Amino acid sequence: MLKIKIDLCACCGVCAAVCPVAAITVSKHFEVDQERCVSCGNCVKTCPTGALSLPPSSQPTQP
């Protein structure tokens, strides 16, 4: 399950751009569709502010 630190999120949209399953939307605020999220970690790796994280128990799945 993707976790976000709202106070760090800049709503820049980088995470949404790299999400292979379009699980993330960013407009005035950040939203993630946890059912669509495959825990690939692309968003976590590219977030410029470090606002996103995946707990170690999250196992990546194929889109």
N, C-alpha and C. Protein backbone atom coordinates (compact mmCIF):
# COMPACT_ATOMS: atom_id res chain seq x y z
N MET A 1 0.84 -1.18 0.00
CA MET A 1 0.00 0.00 0.00
C MET A 1 0.89 1.24 0.00
N LEU A 2 0.69 2.09 -0.97
CA LEU A 2 1.46 3.32 -1.11
C LEU A 2 1.08 4.29 0.00
N LYS A 3 2.08 4.87 0.62
CA LYS A 3 1.85 5.86 1.68
C LYS A 3 2.39 7.20 1.22
N ILE A 4 1.72 8.28 1.64
CA ILE A 4 2.14 9.63 1.29
C ILE A 4 2.22 10.50 2.53
N LYS A 5 3.24 11.32 2.56
CA LYS A 5 3.36 12.36 3.59
C LYS A 5 2.85 13.64 2.93
N ILE A 6 1.60 13.96 3.21
CA ILE A 6 0.94 15.08 2.56
C ILE A 6 1.72 16.38 2.71
N ASP A 7 2.33 16.58 3.88
CA ASP A 7 3.05 17.83 4.11
C ASP A 7 4.29 17.96 3.22
N LEU A 8 4.77 16.86 2.64
CA LEU A 8 5.93 16.91 1.75
C LEU A 8 5.54 16.96 0.27
N CYS A 9 4.31 16.59 -0.05
CA CYS A 9 3.87 16.52 -1.44
C CYS A 9 3.77 17.91 -2.06
N ALA A 10 4.45 18.08 -3.21
CA ALA A 10 4.43 19.35 -3.92
C ALA A 10 3.37 19.36 -5.02
N CYS A 11 2.62 18.27 -5.17
CA CYS A 11 1.61 18.13 -6.22
C CYS A 11 2.19 18.43 -7.61
N CYS A 12 3.42 17.98 -7.83
CA CYS A 12 4.11 18.26 -9.09
C CYS A 12 3.68 17.33 -10.22
N GLY A 13 3.14 16.15 -9.89
CA GLY A 13 2.66 15.23 -10.90
C GLY A 13 3.69 14.26 -11.46
N VAL A 14 4.92 14.32 -10.98
CA VAL A 14 5.96 13.41 -11.48
C VAL A 14 5.56 11.97 -11.21
N CYS A 15 5.04 11.70 -10.04
CA CYS A 15 4.64 10.33 -9.68
C CYS A 15 3.56 9.81 -10.62
N ALA A 16 2.58 10.64 -10.92
CA ALA A 16 1.49 10.23 -11.81
C ALA A 16 2.01 9.95 -13.21
N ALA A 17 2.99 10.71 -13.65
CA ALA A 17 3.54 10.54 -14.99
C ALA A 17 4.27 9.21 -15.17
N VAL A 18 4.85 8.68 -14.09
CA VAL A 18 5.61 7.44 -14.20
C VAL A 18 4.83 6.20 -13.77
N CYS A 19 3.60 6.37 -13.34
CA CYS A 19 2.79 5.23 -12.89
C CYS A 19 2.32 4.43 -14.11
N PRO A 20 2.73 3.15 -14.21
CA PRO A 20 2.37 2.35 -15.38
C PRO A 20 0.90 1.94 -15.45
N VAL A 21 0.16 2.09 -14.35
CA VAL A 21 -1.25 1.69 -14.33
C VAL A 21 -2.19 2.86 -14.07
N ALA A 22 -1.67 4.07 -14.13
CA ALA A 22 -2.46 5.29 -13.92
C ALA A 22 -3.25 5.25 -12.61
N ALA A 23 -2.60 4.81 -11.55
CA ALA A 23 -3.25 4.72 -10.24
C ALA A 23 -3.19 6.04 -9.48
N ILE A 24 -2.37 6.98 -9.96
CA ILE A 24 -2.16 8.24 -9.24
C ILE A 24 -2.73 9.40 -10.03
N THR A 25 -3.47 10.26 -9.34
CA THR A 25 -3.92 11.51 -9.94
C THR A 25 -3.49 12.65 -9.04
N VAL A 26 -3.06 13.72 -9.67
CA VAL A 26 -2.63 14.90 -8.92
C VAL A 26 -3.25 16.10 -9.60
N SER A 27 -4.08 16.82 -8.87
CA SER A 27 -4.61 18.09 -9.36
C SER A 27 -4.37 19.10 -8.26
N LYS A 28 -5.38 19.38 -7.48
CA LYS A 28 -5.17 20.25 -6.32
C LYS A 28 -4.60 19.48 -5.15
N HIS A 29 -4.75 18.15 -5.20
CA HIS A 29 -4.19 17.28 -4.17
C HIS A 29 -3.87 15.92 -4.77
N PHE A 30 -3.19 15.11 -4.02
CA PHE A 30 -2.73 13.79 -4.44
C PHE A 30 -3.77 12.74 -4.13
N GLU A 31 -4.02 11.84 -5.07
CA GLU A 31 -4.92 10.72 -4.82
C GLU A 31 -4.33 9.47 -5.45
N VAL A 32 -4.43 8.36 -4.75
CA VAL A 32 -3.98 7.08 -5.31
C VAL A 32 -5.11 6.07 -5.21
N ASP A 33 -5.32 5.36 -6.30
CA ASP A 33 -6.30 4.28 -6.33
C ASP A 33 -5.55 3.02 -5.88
N GLN A 34 -5.69 2.66 -4.62
CA GLN A 34 -4.95 1.54 -4.05
C GLN A 34 -5.28 0.22 -4.74
N GLU A 35 -6.46 0.10 -5.30
CA GLU A 35 -6.83 -1.14 -6.00
C GLU A 35 -6.08 -1.27 -7.32
N ARG A 36 -5.75 -0.16 -7.95
CA ARG A 36 -5.01 -0.19 -9.22
C ARG A 36 -3.51 -0.26 -9.00
N CYS A 37 -3.03 0.27 -7.88
CA CYS A 37 -1.60 0.32 -7.58
C CYS A 37 -1.02 -1.09 -7.54
N VAL A 38 0.10 -1.29 -8.26
CA VAL A 38 0.77 -2.59 -8.30
C VAL A 38 2.06 -2.59 -7.49
N SER A 39 2.28 -1.55 -6.71
CA SER A 39 3.45 -1.44 -5.83
C SER A 39 4.77 -1.58 -6.57
N CYS A 40 4.86 -1.01 -7.76
CA CYS A 40 6.08 -1.12 -8.55
C CYS A 40 7.21 -0.25 -8.01
N GLY A 41 6.86 0.83 -7.31
CA GLY A 41 7.86 1.71 -6.72
C GLY A 41 8.36 2.82 -7.63
N ASN A 42 7.87 2.90 -8.86
CA ASN A 42 8.31 3.96 -9.77
C ASN A 42 8.07 5.35 -9.18
N CYS A 43 6.92 5.53 -8.57
CA CYS A 43 6.58 6.83 -8.00
C CYS A 43 7.50 7.19 -6.84
N VAL A 44 7.80 6.20 -6.02
CA VAL A 44 8.67 6.42 -4.86
C VAL A 44 10.06 6.85 -5.32
N LYS A 45 10.58 6.17 -6.35
CA LYS A 45 11.92 6.47 -6.87
C LYS A 45 12.02 7.85 -7.50
N THR A 46 10.92 8.33 -8.10
CA THR A 46 10.99 9.60 -8.82
C THR A 46 10.48 10.81 -8.05
N CYS A 47 9.86 10.61 -6.90
CA CYS A 47 9.32 11.73 -6.13
C CYS A 47 10.46 12.66 -5.69
N PRO A 48 10.45 13.91 -6.14
CA PRO A 48 11.55 14.83 -5.82
C PRO A 48 11.57 15.29 -4.36
N THR A 49 10.46 15.11 -3.65
CA THR A 49 10.41 15.58 -2.26
C THR A 49 10.44 14.44 -1.24
N GLY A 50 10.45 13.20 -1.71
CA GLY A 50 10.46 12.06 -0.79
C GLY A 50 9.15 11.86 -0.05
N ALA A 51 8.06 12.30 -0.66
CA ALA A 51 6.76 12.23 0.01
C ALA A 51 6.12 10.84 -0.04
N LEU A 52 6.61 9.98 -0.91
CA LEU A 52 5.99 8.67 -1.10
C LEU A 52 6.85 7.55 -0.55
N SER A 53 6.18 6.51 -0.06
CA SER A 53 6.91 5.33 0.41
C SER A 53 6.04 4.09 0.27
N LEU A 54 6.72 2.96 0.16
CA LEU A 54 6.05 1.66 0.15
C LEU A 54 6.60 0.88 1.32
N PRO A 55 5.74 0.39 2.20
CA PRO A 55 6.21 -0.42 3.32
C PRO A 55 6.94 -1.66 2.80
N PRO A 56 7.91 -2.16 3.55
CA PRO A 56 8.66 -3.35 3.11
C PRO A 56 7.77 -4.56 2.82
N SER A 57 6.62 -4.63 3.44
CA SER A 57 5.72 -5.77 3.23
C SER A 57 5.01 -5.72 1.88
N SER A 58 5.07 -4.56 1.20
CA SER A 58 4.42 -4.44 -0.11
C SER A 58 5.25 -5.17 -1.15
N GLN A 59 4.66 -6.17 -1.76
CA GLN A 59 5.35 -6.92 -2.80
C GLN A 59 4.91 -6.41 -4.15
N PRO A 60 5.87 -6.06 -5.01
CA PRO A 60 5.50 -5.61 -6.35
C PRO A 60 4.73 -6.69 -7.10
N THR A 61 3.74 -6.25 -7.86
CA THR A 61 2.99 -7.16 -8.71
C THR A 61 3.09 -6.65 -10.14
N GLN A 62 2.79 -7.47 -11.09
CA GLN A 62 2.87 -7.07 -12.49
C GLN A 62 1.60 -6.35 -12.90
N PRO A 63 1.75 -5.25 -13.67
CA PRO A 63 0.56 -4.52 -14.15
C PRO A 63 -0.23 -5.33 -15.15
